[in-house]
Protein backbone atom coordinates (compact mmCIF):
# COMPACT_ATOMS: atom_id res chain seq x y z
CA UNK A 1 99.89 93.59 84.46
CA UNK A 2 101.50 94.89 87.63
CA UNK A 3 102.10 93.21 90.95
CA UNK A 4 101.11 96.36 92.83
CA UNK A 5 99.54 99.66 91.75
CA UNK A 6 100.09 102.63 94.05
CA UNK A 7 97.77 105.61 93.76
CA UNK A 8 99.62 108.60 95.19
CA UNK A 9 103.32 109.26 94.75
CA UNK A 10 104.14 111.40 97.75
CA UNK A 11 106.88 110.20 100.11
CA UNK A 12 104.85 107.23 101.39
CA UNK A 13 103.75 106.02 97.96
CA UNK A 14 107.20 106.46 96.46
CA UNK A 15 108.87 104.83 99.46
CA UNK A 16 106.56 101.84 99.09
CA UNK A 17 107.30 101.65 95.36
CA UNK A 18 111.04 101.58 96.11
CA UNK A 19 110.58 98.92 98.79
CA UNK A 20 108.61 96.73 96.39
CA UNK A 21 110.79 97.43 93.37
CA UNK A 22 113.94 96.47 95.27
CA UNK A 23 112.24 93.15 96.02
CA UNK A 24 111.77 92.52 92.30
CA UNK A 25 108.05 93.34 92.08
CA UNK A 26 106.53 95.17 89.12
CA UNK A 27 105.00 98.45 90.37
CA UNK A 28 102.93 101.25 88.81
CA UNK A 29 103.12 104.54 90.72
CA UNK A 30 100.44 107.13 89.87
CA UNK A 31 101.08 110.71 91.03
CA UNK A 32 99.08 113.78 90.02
CA UNK A 33 101.84 116.34 90.58
CA UNK A 34 104.70 116.35 88.03
CA UNK A 35 106.93 117.98 90.64
CA UNK A 36 106.87 117.95 94.46
CA UNK A 37 104.76 120.77 95.85
CA UNK A 38 106.96 123.52 97.39
CA UNK A 39 105.13 123.74 100.72
CA UNK A 40 107.36 122.99 103.72
CA UNK A 41 105.77 120.19 105.74
CA UNK A 42 106.76 116.81 107.11
CA UNK A 43 110.22 118.07 108.03
CA UNK A 44 111.23 116.00 111.06
CA UNK A 45 112.58 112.59 110.09
CA UNK A 46 113.24 110.21 112.97
CA UNK A 47 116.17 107.86 113.32
CA UNK A 48 113.87 104.98 112.39
CA UNK A 49 112.80 106.78 109.21
CA UNK A 50 116.42 107.29 108.25
CA UNK A 51 116.90 103.53 108.58
CA UNK A 52 114.28 103.20 105.84
CA UNK A 53 116.32 105.47 103.58
CA UNK A 54 119.37 103.39 104.41
CA UNK A 55 117.52 100.26 103.29
CA UNK A 56 116.32 102.05 100.15
CA UNK A 57 119.91 103.02 99.23
CA UNK A 58 119.33 106.76 99.38
CA UNK A 59 120.29 107.87 102.91
CA UNK A 60 123.40 109.68 101.69
CA UNK A 61 121.41 111.46 98.99
CA UNK A 62 118.86 112.60 101.55
CA UNK A 63 121.48 114.06 103.87
CA UNK A 64 123.17 115.81 100.95
CA UNK A 65 119.83 117.33 99.88
CA UNK A 66 119.62 119.61 102.89
CA UNK A 67 122.96 120.07 104.62
CA UNK A 68 122.77 121.67 108.05
CA UNK A 69 125.34 124.45 108.52
CA UNK A 70 127.88 124.00 111.27
CA UNK A 71 126.22 124.88 114.55
CA UNK A 72 122.78 124.95 112.94
CA UNK A 73 121.25 121.97 114.72
CA UNK A 74 117.81 120.40 114.32
CA UNK A 75 116.54 120.51 117.90
CA UNK A 76 113.24 121.90 119.16
CA UNK A 77 112.00 123.99 122.04
CA UNK A 78 108.76 125.07 123.70
CA UNK A 79 108.19 128.71 124.64
CA UNK A 80 105.61 130.32 126.88
CA UNK A 81 103.66 133.15 125.27
CA UNK A 82 106.11 134.27 122.56
CA UNK A 83 109.42 133.30 121.03
CA UNK A 84 111.11 136.07 123.00
CA UNK A 85 110.06 134.65 126.36
CA UNK A 86 112.34 133.91 129.28
CA UNK A 87 110.37 130.71 129.88
CA UNK A 88 111.39 127.93 127.51
CA UNK A 89 112.70 124.38 127.48
CA UNK A 90 114.01 121.80 125.02
CA UNK A 91 111.30 119.79 123.32
CA UNK A 92 111.22 116.54 121.34
CA UNK A 93 114.93 115.91 121.75
CA UNK A 94 115.32 112.85 119.57
CA UNK A 95 119.01 112.64 120.44
CA UNK A 96 117.88 110.84 123.59
CA UNK A 97 117.20 107.66 121.59
CA UNK A 98 120.00 107.86 119.02
CA UNK A 99 121.87 104.84 120.40
CA UNK A 100 118.92 102.54 119.70
CA UNK A 101 118.96 103.11 115.92
CA UNK A 102 121.44 102.56 113.11
CA UNK A 103 121.02 106.03 111.57
CA UNK A 104 120.87 109.59 112.88
CA UNK A 105 117.71 111.66 112.54
CA UNK A 106 117.40 114.43 109.96
CA UNK A 107 115.35 117.48 109.13
CA UNK A 108 114.45 118.84 105.71
CA UNK A 109 111.32 120.01 103.85
CA UNK A 110 109.09 117.27 102.50
CA UNK A 111 109.54 118.43 98.92
CA UNK A 112 113.27 117.75 99.20
CA UNK A 113 112.58 114.33 100.71
CA UNK A 114 110.23 113.60 97.81
CA UNK A 115 112.84 114.68 95.28
CA UNK A 116 115.35 112.20 96.72
CA UNK A 117 112.79 109.39 96.66
CA UNK A 118 111.75 110.22 93.10
CA UNK A 119 115.36 110.10 91.98
CA UNK A 120 115.85 106.71 93.63
CA UNK A 121 112.68 105.34 92.03
CA UNK A 122 113.98 106.18 88.54
CA UNK A 123 116.94 103.87 89.18
CA UNK A 124 114.71 100.82 89.65
CA UNK A 125 113.54 99.25 86.38
CA UNK A 126 110.59 97.50 88.02
CA UNK A 127 108.88 100.83 88.80
CA UNK A 128 106.76 102.61 86.17
CA UNK A 129 105.90 106.16 87.25
CA UNK A 130 103.01 108.18 85.83
CA UNK A 131 103.59 111.78 86.91
CA UNK A 132 100.77 114.16 86.06
CA UNK A 133 98.21 111.34 86.25
CA UNK A 134 95.56 110.59 88.85
CA UNK A 135 93.48 107.59 89.81
CA UNK A 136 89.78 108.16 89.14
CA UNK A 137 88.04 104.92 89.98
CA UNK A 138 88.76 101.25 90.47
CA UNK A 139 87.14 97.86 90.72
CA UNK A 140 88.46 94.71 92.32
CA UNK A 141 87.65 91.05 91.83
CA UNK A 142 89.02 87.70 92.99
CA UNK A 143 92.13 87.94 90.81
CA UNK A 144 93.12 91.60 90.95
CA UNK A 145 92.32 95.30 90.81
CA UNK A 146 91.64 97.57 87.83
CA UNK A 147 92.40 101.29 88.21
CA UNK A 148 91.28 103.90 85.68
CA UNK A 149 93.64 106.88 85.50
CA UNK A 150 93.61 110.15 83.61
CA UNK A 151 95.95 113.02 82.88
CA UNK A 152 95.36 115.79 85.39
CA UNK A 153 95.89 118.51 82.77
CA UNK A 154 95.21 116.64 79.57
CA UNK A 155 92.91 114.23 77.77
CA UNK A 156 94.87 111.03 78.28
CA UNK A 157 93.22 108.01 79.87
CA UNK A 158 94.59 104.60 80.81
CA UNK A 159 93.47 101.44 82.56
CA UNK A 160 95.95 99.71 84.86
CA UNK A 161 95.62 96.16 86.12
CA UNK A 162 97.40 94.78 89.16
CA UNK A 163 97.24 92.09 91.79
CA UNK A 164 96.93 94.69 94.56
CA UNK A 165 96.16 98.41 94.89
CA UNK A 166 97.53 100.66 97.63
CA UNK A 167 96.03 104.09 98.28
CA UNK A 168 98.67 106.59 99.34
CA UNK A 169 96.48 109.40 98.04
CA UNK A 170 96.03 111.62 101.09
CA UNK A 171 93.39 112.31 103.69
CA UNK A 172 90.65 112.56 101.02
CA UNK A 173 91.72 109.26 99.50
CA UNK A 174 89.51 107.97 96.70
CA UNK A 175 90.96 104.52 97.34
CA UNK A 176 89.78 104.53 100.95
CA UNK A 177 86.34 105.97 100.24
CA UNK A 178 85.65 103.84 97.15
CA UNK A 179 86.73 100.64 98.89
CA UNK A 180 84.24 101.31 101.68
CA UNK A 181 86.83 101.61 104.43
CA UNK A 182 85.34 103.74 107.20
CA UNK A 183 87.30 106.07 109.44
CA UNK A 184 86.94 107.38 112.95
CA UNK A 185 87.57 111.11 113.30
CA UNK A 186 87.94 113.50 116.21
CA UNK A 187 86.85 116.95 115.14
CA UNK A 188 88.35 119.87 117.05
CA UNK A 189 86.33 122.59 115.30
CA UNK A 190 89.57 124.47 114.77
CA UNK A 191 90.79 126.19 111.64
CA UNK A 192 94.55 126.35 111.29
CA UNK A 193 96.60 128.72 109.20
CA UNK A 194 99.90 127.99 107.49
CA UNK A 195 102.18 130.88 106.61
CA UNK A 196 105.44 130.50 104.73
CA UNK A 197 107.61 133.58 105.09
CA UNK A 198 111.14 134.89 104.68
CA UNK A 199 112.97 136.81 107.38
CA UNK A 200 116.69 137.23 107.96
CA UNK A 201 115.88 139.28 111.05
CA UNK A 202 114.07 136.38 112.74
CA UNK A 203 117.10 134.21 112.12
CA UNK A 204 119.23 136.77 113.94
CA UNK A 205 116.72 137.08 116.80
CA UNK A 206 116.68 133.33 117.35
CA UNK A 207 120.43 132.91 117.51
CA UNK A 208 119.82 133.22 121.24
CA UNK A 209 118.60 129.61 121.01
CA UNK A 210 121.51 127.79 119.29
CA UNK A 211 120.94 124.40 117.72
CA UNK A 212 117.17 124.83 117.32
CA UNK A 213 115.12 124.40 114.17
CA UNK A 214 111.51 124.35 115.41
CA UNK A 215 109.74 126.29 118.11
CA UNK A 216 106.43 125.55 119.79
CA UNK A 217 104.72 128.58 121.34
CA UNK A 218 102.11 127.97 124.06
CA UNK A 219 99.82 130.89 124.82
CA UNK A 220 96.77 130.81 127.12
CA UNK A 221 94.59 132.43 124.44
CA UNK A 222 94.88 129.31 122.28
CA UNK A 223 93.74 126.82 124.95
CA UNK A 224 96.43 124.23 124.37
CA UNK A 225 96.60 124.48 120.59
CA UNK A 226 100.02 125.33 119.32
CA UNK A 227 101.56 128.19 117.46
CA UNK A 228 104.43 126.52 115.71
CA UNK A 229 107.50 127.94 113.94
CA UNK A 230 109.87 125.88 111.85
CA UNK A 231 112.97 126.66 109.87
CA UNK A 232 112.86 125.72 106.21
CA UNK A 233 116.54 126.57 105.95
CA UNK A 234 119.01 128.10 108.38
CA UNK A 235 118.97 131.76 107.52
CA UNK A 236 115.94 132.98 105.61
CA UNK A 237 112.82 130.81 105.16
CA UNK A 238 110.26 129.79 107.78
CA UNK A 239 106.82 128.29 108.20
CA UNK A 240 104.26 129.09 110.88
CA UNK A 241 101.14 127.16 111.95
CA UNK A 242 98.55 128.74 114.25
CA UNK A 243 94.84 128.47 115.10
CA UNK A 244 92.60 131.16 113.63
CA UNK A 245 88.85 131.80 114.06
CA UNK A 246 86.49 129.73 111.96
CA UNK A 247 85.72 131.55 108.76
CA UNK A 248 89.09 133.29 108.60
CA UNK A 249 90.31 134.39 105.17
CA UNK A 250 93.30 136.36 103.98
CA UNK A 251 91.05 139.41 103.66
CA UNK A 252 89.24 139.39 107.02
CA UNK A 253 92.03 138.58 109.49
CA UNK A 254 95.31 140.23 110.47
CA UNK A 255 97.66 137.32 109.85
CA UNK A 256 100.72 139.56 109.92
CA UNK A 257 99.73 140.88 113.34
CA UNK A 258 99.23 137.33 114.64
CA UNK A 259 102.68 136.35 113.42
CA UNK A 260 104.32 139.40 115.00
CA UNK A 261 102.54 138.79 118.31
CA UNK A 262 103.71 135.17 118.39
CA UNK A 263 107.31 136.26 117.90
CA UNK A 264 106.95 138.84 120.66
CA UNK A 265 108.31 141.91 118.86
CA UNK A 266 108.28 143.68 115.53
CA UNK A 267 110.54 142.23 112.87
CA UNK A 268 110.83 142.41 109.09
CA UNK A 269 109.34 139.55 107.05
CA UNK A 270 107.75 138.76 103.68
CA UNK A 271 104.94 136.21 103.40
CA UNK A 272 105.14 133.99 100.30
CA UNK A 273 102.34 131.49 100.99
CA UNK A 274 99.12 131.41 103.04
CA UNK A 275 96.95 128.34 103.47
CA UNK A 276 94.26 127.01 105.80
CA UNK A 277 93.35 123.53 107.01
CA UNK A 278 90.96 121.94 109.49
CA UNK A 279 92.47 120.51 112.65
CA UNK A 280 91.21 116.96 113.01
CA UNK A 281 92.50 113.53 113.89
CA UNK A 282 91.27 110.61 111.78
CA UNK A 283 92.19 106.95 111.45
CA UNK A 284 90.83 104.32 109.08
CA UNK A 285 89.04 101.56 110.95
CA UNK A 286 90.95 99.00 108.90
CA UNK A 287 93.83 99.40 106.46
CA UNK A 288 92.68 96.60 104.16
CA UNK A 289 89.66 95.82 102.00
CA UNK A 290 90.42 92.53 100.20
CA UNK A 291 93.02 93.43 97.54
CA UNK A 292 93.06 97.10 98.45
CA UNK A 293 95.19 98.76 101.14
CA UNK A 294 95.66 102.29 102.46
CA UNK A 295 98.81 103.86 103.88
CA UNK A 296 100.07 107.24 105.04
CA UNK A 297 97.54 110.08 105.16
CA UNK A 298 94.98 107.89 103.40
CA UNK A 299 95.00 105.70 106.50
CA UNK A 300 95.59 108.30 109.21
CA UNK A 301 95.78 112.06 109.46
CA UNK A 302 96.43 114.51 112.28
CA UNK A 303 97.80 117.99 112.95
CA UNK A 304 101.58 118.36 112.57
CA UNK A 305 102.23 117.93 116.28
CA UNK A 306 105.45 116.10 116.98
CA UNK A 307 106.30 115.30 113.36
CA UNK A 308 104.58 111.92 113.47
CA UNK A 309 102.80 112.00 110.11
CA UNK A 310 105.47 111.31 107.51
CA UNK A 311 107.35 109.01 109.87
CA UNK A 312 104.30 106.85 110.58
CA UNK A 313 103.45 106.77 106.88
CA UNK A 314 106.90 105.58 105.86
CA UNK A 315 106.71 102.86 108.53
CA UNK A 316 103.40 101.80 106.94
CA UNK A 317 105.34 101.34 103.71
CA UNK A 318 108.06 99.23 105.33
CA UNK A 319 105.50 97.03 107.09
CA UNK A 320 103.35 96.50 104.00
CA UNK A 321 106.17 96.17 101.47
CA UNK A 322 107.65 92.89 102.65
CA UNK A 323 104.23 91.40 103.29
CA UNK A 324 103.02 92.11 99.75
CA UNK A 325 106.28 90.69 98.41
CA UNK A 326 105.93 87.54 100.53
CA UNK A 327 102.37 87.00 99.35
CA UNK A 328 103.18 87.60 95.68
CA UNK A 329 106.33 85.46 95.79
CA UNK A 330 104.47 82.58 97.38
CA UNK A 331 106.10 82.31 100.81
CA UNK A 332 103.67 84.45 102.79
CA UNK A 333 100.87 82.69 104.64
CA UNK A 334 97.13 83.45 104.30
CA UNK A 335 97.07 85.63 107.44
CA UNK A 336 100.10 87.77 106.58
CA UNK A 337 98.38 90.56 104.68
CA UNK A 338 95.75 91.00 107.40
CA UNK A 339 98.58 91.56 109.87
CA UNK A 340 99.42 94.85 108.13
CA UNK A 341 96.25 96.47 109.44
CA UNK A 342 96.47 94.51 112.69
CA UNK A 343 99.91 95.94 113.41
CA UNK A 344 99.81 99.43 111.93
CA UNK A 345 96.28 100.65 112.75
CA UNK A 346 96.68 100.38 116.55
CA UNK A 347 100.03 102.16 116.35
CA UNK A 348 98.45 105.28 114.87
CA UNK A 349 95.39 105.06 117.11
CA UNK A 350 97.61 105.11 120.20
CA UNK A 351 99.80 107.85 118.70
CA UNK A 352 96.70 110.00 118.33
CA UNK A 353 95.32 109.24 121.80
CA UNK A 354 98.44 109.05 123.95
CA UNK A 355 100.67 111.61 122.27
CA UNK A 356 98.88 114.13 120.02
CA UNK A 357 95.56 114.47 121.88
CA UNK A 358 97.36 114.22 125.21
CA UNK A 359 99.66 117.09 124.26
CA UNK A 360 96.67 119.34 123.64
CA UNK A 361 94.89 118.36 126.86
CA UNK A 362 97.92 118.68 129.13
CA UNK A 363 98.99 122.00 127.61
CA UNK A 364 95.46 123.36 127.99
CA UNK A 365 95.29 122.35 131.64
CA UNK A 366 98.68 123.87 132.45
CA UNK A 367 97.95 127.16 130.68
CA UNK A 368 94.59 127.47 132.42
CA UNK A 369 96.13 126.93 135.85
CA UNK A 370 99.48 128.71 135.85
CA UNK A 371 100.70 132.20 134.93
CA UNK A 372 104.21 133.75 134.86
CA UNK A 373 103.18 136.04 137.73
CA UNK A 374 102.86 133.01 140.02
CA UNK A 375 105.86 132.69 142.36
CA UNK A 376 106.46 129.06 141.44
CA UNK A 377 105.79 129.38 137.69
CA UNK A 378 109.41 129.08 136.54
CA UNK A 379 109.89 125.91 138.56
CA UNK A 380 106.63 124.38 137.32
CA UNK A 381 107.43 125.28 133.72
CA UNK A 382 110.82 123.57 133.85
CA UNK A 383 109.31 120.60 135.64
CA UNK A 384 107.20 119.93 132.55
CA UNK A 385 110.40 119.38 130.63
CA UNK A 386 111.92 117.17 133.32
CA UNK A 387 108.92 114.88 133.17
CA UNK A 388 108.65 114.86 129.39
CA UNK A 389 108.95 111.32 128.07
CA UNK A 390 107.60 111.72 124.55
CA UNK A 391 110.77 110.66 122.74
CA UNK A 392 111.67 107.75 125.02
CA UNK A 393 108.08 106.52 125.23
CA UNK A 394 107.33 106.79 121.50
CA UNK A 395 108.44 103.31 120.52
CA UNK A 396 105.98 101.76 118.06
CA UNK A 397 105.87 98.01 118.53
CA UNK A 398 103.83 95.00 117.49
CA UNK A 399 103.64 93.05 120.72
CA UNK A 400 100.88 90.44 120.63
CA UNK A 401 100.08 90.85 116.92
CA UNK A 402 98.83 87.85 114.99
CA UNK A 403 102.30 87.13 113.59
CA UNK A 404 104.22 87.88 116.81
CA UNK A 405 102.11 86.15 119.44
CA UNK A 406 102.46 86.38 123.18
CA UNK A 407 100.87 89.00 125.38
CA UNK A 408 100.32 92.68 124.83
CA UNK A 409 99.00 94.47 121.77
CA UNK A 410 100.50 96.72 119.06
CA UNK A 411 100.99 100.28 120.27
CA UNK A 412 102.98 103.45 119.71
CA UNK A 413 103.84 103.54 123.41
CA UNK A 414 106.70 101.47 124.68
CA UNK A 415 110.24 101.93 125.88
CA UNK A 416 113.65 101.82 124.28
CA UNK A 417 115.87 98.88 125.18
CA UNK A 418 118.78 97.04 123.63
CA UNK A 419 117.21 93.75 124.65
CA UNK A 420 115.84 91.91 121.61
CA UNK A 421 112.11 91.61 122.24
CA UNK A 422 109.56 89.99 119.95
CA UNK A 423 107.52 92.68 118.21
CA UNK A 424 110.03 95.47 118.85
CA UNK A 425 112.50 97.22 116.59
CA UNK A 426 115.98 95.74 116.63
CA UNK A 427 118.71 97.97 118.07
CA UNK A 428 122.04 98.14 116.20
CA UNK A 429 124.92 95.83 117.10
CA UNK A 430 127.87 94.13 115.42
CA UNK A 431 128.40 90.79 113.75
CA UNK A 432 131.31 88.53 114.62
CA UNK A 433 133.34 90.07 111.78
CA UNK A 434 132.85 93.55 113.26
CA UNK A 435 130.36 94.81 110.67
CA UNK A 436 127.06 96.47 111.53
CA UNK A 437 124.04 94.15 111.42
CA UNK A 438 121.96 96.72 109.51
CA UNK A 439 124.56 96.77 106.73
CA UNK A 440 124.33 92.99 106.35
CA UNK A 441 120.57 92.56 106.23
CA UNK A 442 118.99 91.55 102.92
CA UNK A 443 115.40 91.44 101.69
CA UNK A 444 114.30 88.43 103.72
CA UNK A 445 114.45 87.23 107.31
CA UNK A 446 117.74 87.18 109.20
CA UNK A 447 118.89 84.90 111.99
CA UNK A 448 121.51 86.39 114.28
CA UNK A 449 123.15 83.67 116.33
CA UNK A 450 126.11 82.62 118.47
CA UNK A 451 125.03 78.98 118.83
CA UNK A 452 124.35 77.79 115.29
CA UNK A 453 121.13 77.67 113.28
CA UNK A 454 119.11 75.41 115.63
CA UNK A 455 117.25 74.12 112.58
CA UNK A 456 116.05 77.52 111.34
CA UNK A 457 117.88 77.12 108.03
CA UNK A 458 116.26 73.75 107.33
CA UNK A 459 112.80 74.96 108.32
CA UNK A 460 113.15 78.09 106.20
CA UNK A 461 114.14 76.03 103.18
CA UNK A 462 111.16 73.71 103.63
CA UNK A 463 108.78 76.68 103.95
CA UNK A 464 110.39 78.63 101.11
CA UNK A 465 111.16 81.54 103.43
CA UNK A 466 114.21 83.61 102.42
CA UNK A 467 116.58 83.49 105.40
CA UNK A 468 120.14 84.64 105.88
CA UNK A 469 122.13 83.41 108.88
CA UNK A 470 124.74 85.65 110.53
CA UNK A 471 127.10 84.96 113.38
CA UNK A 472 126.77 87.89 115.74
CA UNK A 473 129.41 89.02 118.16
CA UNK A 474 129.24 87.98 121.78
CA UNK A 475 128.87 91.65 122.62
CA UNK A 476 125.74 91.74 120.47
CA UNK A 477 124.34 88.61 122.13
CA UNK A 478 124.99 90.20 125.53
CA UNK A 479 123.34 93.43 124.43
CA UNK A 480 120.34 91.59 122.98
CA UNK A 481 120.27 89.25 126.02
CA UNK A 482 119.75 86.34 123.67
CA UNK A 483 122.00 83.91 121.76
CA UNK A 484 119.56 83.85 118.81
CA UNK A 485 117.44 86.62 117.30
CA UNK A 486 115.11 86.16 114.33
CA UNK A 487 114.64 89.47 112.51
CA UNK A 488 111.82 90.27 110.09
CA UNK A 489 112.48 92.00 106.75
CA UNK A 490 111.34 95.31 108.28
CA UNK A 491 113.94 94.92 111.09
CA UNK A 492 111.46 94.11 113.85
CA UNK A 493 112.21 91.10 116.01
CA UNK A 494 110.08 88.06 115.21
CA UNK A 495 111.50 85.89 117.99
CA UNK A 496 114.46 85.81 120.40
CA UNK A 497 115.69 83.05 122.70
CA UNK A 498 117.90 80.02 123.11
CA UNK A 499 115.64 77.25 121.79
CA UNK A 500 112.29 76.80 120.05
CA UNK A 501 110.45 74.90 117.35
CA UNK A 502 111.85 76.82 114.35
CA UNK A 503 109.12 75.67 111.99
CA UNK A 504 106.39 76.91 114.34
CA UNK A 505 108.17 80.24 114.85
CA UNK A 506 108.62 80.82 111.11
CA UNK A 507 105.06 79.79 110.29
CA UNK A 508 103.70 82.29 112.78
CA UNK A 509 106.03 85.04 111.50
CA UNK A 510 104.77 84.63 107.92
CA UNK A 511 101.10 84.25 108.84
CA UNK A 512 100.95 80.57 107.96
CA UNK A 513 99.03 79.59 111.09
């Protein structure tokens, strides 16, 4: 009998297993692929995502898995027409928000990220991993969930029983569909190609753009849809996404010619992988069906615009992990598990509407209106960069959720501040002893204070809520603009202020009222 069964052991499923296992829960992780699939995707990891790896005790391993050569850089840029254009600007510069997080961002292929997570999972005794197995069907009742699994390339069959089941099994999730969770999709009627290729010559050509690792090409012919280049390493391997006509196959379309045209000149390359996928944006209408939950691509899927996919999925895991633990360990209230969907579903919905779909619309409008031959084109092109706010404005928060209270509503759009605000991610600061707050946090709630506990410790003990109290530095209190800050296990602020009813605040934060 397991506390939680996870169907799907990609980065989100494995991250969730680690989060739960570190909290002492018994987890079964079912993953159909014995080894990570060697297709470069999900490469951009935000500062917030790297905080997850810090909490999961594998940040150093992740950075060692894909060292960036000196001067290599992981920045991005947007080009007009081709890579060889004179019209380009920096894009998605995550360095703008680095001071608001405890870890630096990173970039590496998803299969290397998965390898690090798999290695970490093997170190946790509470996690049982079934590689080469897949979930086939499940049933749930008032006391738990039963999942039937089978060997993907064999005759083995097993039945697993757990208190809860989480589907991290991709955009065609059997967990989502079988549980009856509906989804809302925006179809773009676009077929996308993915090419993985090797080219030392392209590496030499792009040395003109130092410090860059991904390149977005906007061409009027594609009506706002991107042609997108990314480095797999710094020297040889690349991937390339681009729209192709519906019905395109390897045999009936000149993919090599399309790639050469996007670069803007002839160059030597060897293609090692070709794939196709439908461009669509989809989000589950709820992330919970009784004892069943969905996370990652099973809950939301979209084109790889902006690198949001893996990052949003791993945040799903951090949000759900502590809530499942609280419920199973007896200190979570009856409304806590519902708050997972209530907080995470709107974040993706607004990511899709206000970032991904908006990118496509705004790019389409600009490309349809302006051409390089226009006398003011260069100025207008650079002005797009000056007004770009994607990185600063992408600040997922849970304002107004059922366990935060107050006004507002959960959203991906916000702003970065050091001020400690209920429902927002906590910025880094120091404790009174000079240590970093993120290095001190444990598995439960944390109270950062300069004025004593104000009764939080007593209330937490009465409610059975795990709470650690830390004296923060005066500099931290000034930065947070509050003498007390209550921090959730996922490092979002539950409450900040000078006085309150601590029992009422804690009850709300754990879904007890």
